Amino acid sequence: MRAWFFHATGVGGRAMENLIREGSIQGVLDITTTEVADYIVGGVMACDNSRFDVIIEQKIPLVLSVGALDMVSLMRTTVDENRKFADFIANKLNSSSSKICVCLPEKGISALGAPGKPFYDPEATGTLLHELQRLIQTDDIRQVKVYPHHINDLEFASALVDAFLEVNEKKGSTHPQVAIPESIEHFHEDLGSVSNKSSFGAIVYAPNEFPDTKPVHN
């Protein structure tokens, strides 16, 4: 496995999408989507209005979550702002004709947004989750799943992997190349740990293609 880290800073998202545009990536787990919050509210780590477009245009499998949409420049986002985030994301995803699964963690979307932490706001986060469920047009290719986990829980990481395997099952690639922006601090025991604002990208091949490859631990 060869891996890249894309920081969720606006520049990182664009770098990932450039690789998708070039055909270097055939699947995406877009888990830290905080660049959308910065774009809508006016933060310093913003994407632009084209966020998600290339994923949809290339018709590659997508698993998406809402990592760190509760913050912009270390300020807590509001109920109204979260409603706008949901509207932006839903409008993009509703135009897709390829498989998509949106995975929503009920118990928090960042380390700072966990119960007892400074950004814990069940109303604001609940608005984001409820609006996404309401606005996204679900069908046999577009799903929304809700999980009783925090976004940094290993159980949620496992659910994300399962969701990607499901949306990618008919893709037909023996060694799909996958970009994985995420906010899970302990995404998987073989991947070490990442911060809330980091993104992880991976190109995955069959193990027998690289017999001397060993796992990398941070």
Protein backbone atom coordinates (compact mmCIF):
# COMPACT_ATOMS: atom_id res chain seq x y z
CA MET A 1 0.00 0.00 0.00
CA ARG A 2 1.24 3.46 -0.92
CA ALA A 3 -0.32 6.32 1.01
CA TRP A 4 -0.59 10.11 0.93
CA PHE A 5 -1.89 12.51 3.56
CA PHE A 6 -4.00 15.42 2.34
CA HIS A 7 -4.57 18.03 5.03
CA ALA A 8 -8.12 19.38 5.09
CA THR A 9 -6.98 22.94 4.48
CA GLY A 10 -8.51 23.81 1.13
CA VAL A 11 -5.22 23.16 -0.64
CA GLY A 12 -5.34 19.54 0.49
CA GLY A 13 -8.80 18.98 -0.91
CA ARG A 14 -7.80 20.50 -4.24
CA ALA A 15 -4.69 18.31 -4.40
CA MET A 16 -6.81 15.21 -3.87
CA GLU A 17 -9.31 16.31 -6.50
CA ASN A 18 -6.50 17.00 -9.00
CA LEU A 19 -5.36 13.40 -8.62
CA ILE A 20 -8.93 12.25 -9.19
CA ARG A 21 -9.13 14.41 -12.31
CA GLU A 22 -5.92 12.83 -13.61
CA GLY A 23 -7.40 9.36 -13.12
CA SER A 24 -5.01 8.38 -10.34
CA ILE A 25 -7.80 7.61 -7.85
CA GLN A 26 -10.84 5.40 -8.42
CA GLY A 27 -12.57 5.69 -5.06
CA VAL A 28 -12.94 8.24 -2.26
CA LEU A 29 -13.71 8.21 1.44
CA ASP A 30 -14.29 11.92 2.00
CA ILE A 31 -14.55 11.97 5.76
CA THR A 32 -13.18 15.37 6.82
CA THR A 33 -15.34 17.83 4.88
CA THR A 34 -14.56 20.84 7.07
CA GLU A 35 -13.37 22.77 4.01
CA VAL A 36 -17.05 23.23 3.16
CA ALA A 37 -17.61 25.01 6.48
CA ASP A 38 -14.71 27.37 5.82
CA TYR A 39 -16.00 28.07 2.30
CA ILE A 40 -19.52 28.94 3.43
CA VAL A 41 -18.63 30.83 6.61
CA GLY A 42 -15.47 32.50 5.31
CA GLY A 43 -12.66 30.61 7.03
CA VAL A 44 -9.01 30.41 6.01
CA MET A 45 -9.02 26.73 4.97
CA ALA A 46 -11.81 26.84 2.43
CA CYS A 47 -12.55 24.82 -0.66
CA ASP A 48 -14.42 26.53 -3.50
CA ASN A 49 -17.81 26.00 -5.09
CA SER A 50 -16.47 23.08 -7.16
CA ARG A 51 -15.92 20.83 -4.13
CA PHE A 52 -17.09 17.25 -4.89
CA ASP A 53 -17.68 18.05 -8.58
CA VAL A 54 -14.81 16.01 -9.97
CA ILE A 55 -15.76 13.00 -7.83
CA ILE A 56 -19.25 13.14 -9.29
CA GLU A 57 -18.06 13.84 -12.84
CA GLN A 58 -15.65 10.89 -12.77
CA LYS A 59 -18.45 8.69 -11.39
CA ILE A 60 -16.22 7.04 -8.82
CA PRO A 61 -17.51 5.39 -5.62
CA LEU A 62 -17.79 7.82 -2.71
CA VAL A 63 -18.25 7.43 1.03
CA LEU A 64 -18.73 10.81 2.68
CA SER A 65 -18.95 12.01 6.26
CA VAL A 66 -19.04 15.33 8.11
CA GLY A 67 -15.74 15.54 9.97
CA ALA A 68 -15.07 18.89 11.70
CA LEU A 69 -18.04 20.70 10.16
CA ASP A 70 -18.59 21.96 13.69
CA MET A 71 -15.69 24.42 13.46
CA VAL A 72 -14.29 27.25 11.38
CA SER A 73 -10.99 28.80 12.45
CA LEU A 74 -11.49 27.24 15.90
CA MET A 75 -14.90 28.86 16.33
CA ARG A 76 -18.05 26.75 16.81
CA THR A 77 -20.42 26.74 13.85
CA THR A 78 -24.06 27.64 14.46
CA VAL A 79 -27.37 25.92 13.78
CA ASP A 80 -28.02 28.11 10.75
CA GLU A 81 -24.52 27.55 9.37
CA ASN A 82 -24.89 23.78 9.71
CA ARG A 83 -28.15 24.00 7.80
CA LYS A 84 -26.25 25.72 4.98
CA PHE A 85 -23.52 23.05 5.02
CA ALA A 86 -26.14 20.34 4.61
CA ASP A 87 -27.75 22.21 1.73
CA PHE A 88 -24.42 22.61 -0.10
CA ILE A 89 -23.47 18.94 0.30
CA ALA A 90 -26.92 17.61 -0.59
CA ASN A 91 -27.15 19.72 -3.74
CA LYS A 92 -23.83 18.28 -4.92
CA LEU A 93 -24.61 14.67 -4.10
CA ASN A 94 -28.09 14.75 -5.58
CA SER A 95 -26.55 15.29 -9.02
CA SER A 96 -24.48 12.10 -8.81
CA SER A 97 -25.18 9.04 -10.94
CA SER A 98 -22.58 6.83 -9.23
CA LYS A 99 -22.72 5.02 -5.92
CA ILE A 100 -22.58 7.19 -2.81
CA CYS A 101 -22.96 6.43 0.87
CA VAL A 102 -23.16 9.24 3.44
CA CYS A 103 -22.19 8.03 6.93
CA LEU A 104 -23.32 10.17 9.85
CA PRO A 105 -22.03 9.73 13.43
CA GLU A 106 -24.61 10.72 16.05
CA LYS A 107 -22.24 11.29 18.99
CA GLY A 108 -20.03 13.99 17.57
CA ILE A 109 -18.16 15.05 14.45
CA SER A 110 -14.84 16.22 15.93
CA ALA A 111 -12.70 15.72 19.01
CA LEU A 112 -13.79 19.15 20.27
CA GLY A 113 -17.43 18.30 19.61
CA ALA A 114 -17.60 15.25 21.85
CA PRO A 115 -19.79 15.35 25.00
CA GLY A 116 -18.15 17.53 27.64
CA LYS A 117 -15.87 19.27 25.14
CA PRO A 118 -15.99 22.99 24.20
CA PHE A 119 -17.79 22.52 20.86
CA TYR A 120 -20.40 20.05 22.09
CA ASP A 121 -23.69 21.38 20.72
CA PRO A 122 -26.32 18.69 20.09
CA GLU A 123 -28.68 21.17 18.46
CA ALA A 124 -26.20 22.40 15.86
CA THR A 125 -24.82 18.95 15.06
CA GLY A 126 -28.30 17.46 15.10
CA THR A 127 -29.45 20.07 12.59
CA LEU A 128 -26.62 19.10 10.24
CA LEU A 129 -27.42 15.40 10.45
CA HIS A 130 -31.19 15.82 10.18
CA GLU A 131 -30.94 18.21 7.23
CA LEU A 132 -28.65 15.86 5.33
CA GLN A 133 -31.10 13.02 5.88
CA ARG A 134 -33.96 15.23 4.72
CA LEU A 135 -32.29 16.79 1.68
CA ILE A 136 -30.31 13.94 0.14
CA GLN A 137 -32.42 12.05 -2.38
CA THR A 138 -31.84 8.42 -1.45
CA ASP A 139 -32.28 5.56 -3.89
CA ASP A 140 -30.46 2.39 -4.87
CA ILE A 141 -27.20 4.27 -5.59
CA ARG A 142 -27.43 7.06 -3.02
CA GLN A 143 -27.65 6.07 0.65
CA VAL A 144 -27.57 7.82 4.01
CA LYS A 145 -26.66 5.79 7.10
CA VAL A 146 -26.67 6.97 10.73
CA TYR A 147 -24.48 5.34 13.38
CA PRO A 148 -24.58 5.58 17.20
CA HIS A 149 -20.88 6.48 17.35
CA HIS A 150 -18.52 9.44 17.57
CA ILE A 151 -16.62 10.13 14.36
CA ASN A 152 -13.33 9.14 16.05
CA ASP A 153 -14.63 5.78 17.31
CA LEU A 154 -13.07 2.67 15.83
CA GLU A 155 -16.57 1.30 15.33
CA PHE A 156 -17.30 4.21 13.02
CA ALA A 157 -14.03 3.61 11.16
CA SER A 158 -15.10 0.02 10.57
CA ALA A 159 -18.49 1.20 9.35
CA LEU A 160 -16.81 3.52 6.85
CA VAL A 161 -14.71 0.70 5.48
CA ASP A 162 -17.77 -1.54 5.19
CA ALA A 163 -19.65 1.23 3.40
CA PHE A 164 -16.83 1.70 0.91
CA LEU A 165 -16.61 -2.01 0.20
CA GLU A 166 -20.34 -1.97 -0.46
CA VAL A 167 -20.35 0.98 -2.87
CA ASN A 168 -17.23 -0.34 -4.60
CA GLU A 169 -18.31 -3.99 -4.90
CA LYS A 170 -19.34 -3.75 -8.55
CA LYS A 171 -16.53 -1.45 -9.62
CA GLY A 172 -14.57 -4.40 -11.00
CA SER A 173 -11.05 -3.20 -10.14
CA THR A 174 -8.68 -5.76 -8.66
CA HIS A 175 -6.60 -3.03 -7.02
CA PRO A 176 -8.61 0.21 -6.75
CA GLN A 177 -6.79 3.41 -5.92
CA VAL A 178 -8.50 5.13 -3.04
CA ALA A 179 -8.31 8.61 -1.50
CA ILE A 180 -9.38 8.77 2.14
CA PRO A 181 -9.71 12.21 3.74
CA GLU A 182 -10.73 11.56 7.34
CA SER A 183 -10.97 12.97 10.84
CA ILE A 184 -10.81 9.73 12.76
CA GLU A 185 -7.89 9.96 15.17
CA HIS A 186 -7.32 6.22 15.27
CA PHE A 187 -8.70 5.21 11.88
CA HIS A 188 -7.35 1.67 11.89
CA GLU A 189 -4.67 -0.13 13.86
CA ASP A 190 -2.45 -0.40 10.76
CA LEU A 191 -2.74 3.28 9.90
CA GLY A 192 -1.49 4.86 13.12
CA SER A 193 -3.25 8.06 14.20
CA VAL A 194 -4.08 11.34 12.53
CA SER A 195 -5.23 14.71 13.82
CA ASN A 196 -8.68 16.23 13.37
CA LYS A 197 -7.48 18.38 10.51
CA SER A 198 -5.57 15.71 8.60
CA SER A 199 -6.61 13.81 5.53
CA PHE A 200 -5.35 10.43 4.45
CA GLY A 201 -5.05 9.16 0.91
CA ALA A 202 -4.12 5.66 -0.11
CA ILE A 203 -3.42 3.76 -3.30
CA VAL A 204 -4.13 0.13 -2.55
CA TYR A 205 -2.81 -2.84 -4.52
CA ALA A 206 -3.07 -6.57 -4.05
CA PRO A 207 -0.44 -7.63 -1.44
CA ASN A 208 1.19 -10.14 -3.77
CA GLU A 209 2.19 -7.31 -6.10
CA PHE A 210 4.57 -6.00 -3.42
CA PRO A 211 5.97 -9.02 -1.56
CA ASP A 212 8.54 -6.95 0.36
CA THR A 213 6.11 -4.30 1.57
CA LYS A 214 5.67 -3.98 5.34
CA PRO A 215 3.03 -2.08 7.33
CA VAL A 216 3.92 1.48 8.28
CA HIS A 217 3.07 2.63 11.81
CA ASN A 218 3.14 6.30 12.81
